[in-house]
Amino acid sequence: MSFKVIVIGSGKGSNAQALLRAEQSGKLGVAEIAAVF
């Protein structure tokens, strides 16, 4: 089972990028980034 997360960001997107990298490396556990706005 996964926990879907939507990232709503502003600015340069560095926090969103960090979250995407963490997801790719398996550091978010069951969380899955479903969308970035």
C-alpha atoms as a PDB file:
ATOM      1  CA  MET A   1       0.000   0.000   0.000  1.00  0.00           C
ATOM      2  CA  SER A   2       1.304   3.443  -0.862  1.00  0.00           C
ATOM      3  CA  PHE A   3       0.484   6.859   0.537  1.00  0.00           C
ATOM      4  CA  LYS A   4       0.042   9.298  -2.365  1.00  0.00           C
ATOM      5  CA  VAL A   5       1.426  12.798  -1.862  1.00  0.00           C
ATOM      6  CA  ILE A   6       0.907  15.948  -3.931  1.00  0.00           C
ATOM      7  CA  VAL A   7       3.667  18.543  -3.651  1.00  0.00           C
ATOM      8  CA  ILE A   8       2.533  22.166  -4.006  1.00  0.00           C
ATOM      9  CA  GLY A   9       5.553  24.376  -4.352  1.00  0.00           C
ATOM     10  CA  SER A  10       6.706  27.863  -5.093  1.00  0.00           C
ATOM     11  CA  GLY A  11      10.042  29.411  -5.807  1.00  0.00           C
ATOM     12  CA  LYS A  12      12.878  27.513  -7.453  1.00  0.00           C
ATOM     13  CA  GLY A  13      11.562  24.013  -6.747  1.00  0.00           C
ATOM     14  CA  SER A  14      14.535  22.857  -4.692  1.00  0.00           C
ATOM     15  CA  ASN A  15      12.356  21.267  -2.004  1.00  0.00           C
ATOM     16  CA  ALA A  16      10.283  19.440  -4.620  1.00  0.00           C
ATOM     17  CA  GLN A  17      13.487  18.211  -6.266  1.00  0.00           C
ATOM     18  CA  ALA A  18      14.766  16.943  -2.920  1.00  0.00           C
ATOM     19  CA  LEU A  19      11.504  15.058  -2.355  1.00  0.00           C
ATOM     20  CA  LEU A  20      11.666  13.491  -5.825  1.00  0.00           C
ATOM     21  CA  ARG A  21      15.255  12.366  -5.214  1.00  0.00           C
ATOM     22  CA  ALA A  22      14.291  10.936  -1.835  1.00  0.00           C
ATOM     23  CA  GLU A  23      11.447   8.997  -3.465  1.00  0.00           C
ATOM     24  CA  GLN A  24      13.760   7.603  -6.152  1.00  0.00           C
ATOM     25  CA  SER A  25      16.248   6.412  -3.547  1.00  0.00           C
ATOM     26  CA  GLY A  26      13.547   4.794  -1.407  1.00  0.00           C
ATOM     27  CA  LYS A  27      13.838   7.183   1.526  1.00  0.00           C
ATOM     28  CA  LEU A  28      10.122   8.071   1.664  1.00  0.00           C
ATOM     29  CA  GLY A  29       8.969   4.626   2.733  1.00  0.00           C
ATOM     30  CA  VAL A  30       5.450   3.955   1.473  1.00  0.00           C
ATOM     31  CA  ALA A  31       4.924   7.554   0.309  1.00  0.00           C
ATOM     32  CA  GLU A  32       4.611   8.071  -3.438  1.00  0.00           C
ATOM     33  CA  ILE A  33       4.722  11.500  -5.064  1.00  0.00           C
ATOM     34  CA  ALA A  34       1.657  11.582  -7.298  1.00  0.00           C
ATOM     35  CA  ALA A  35       1.987  15.133  -8.649  1.00  0.00           C
ATOM     36  CA  VAL A  36       3.978  18.333  -8.352  1.00  0.00           C
ATOM     37  CA  PHE A  37       2.260  21.686  -8.851  1.00  0.00           C
END
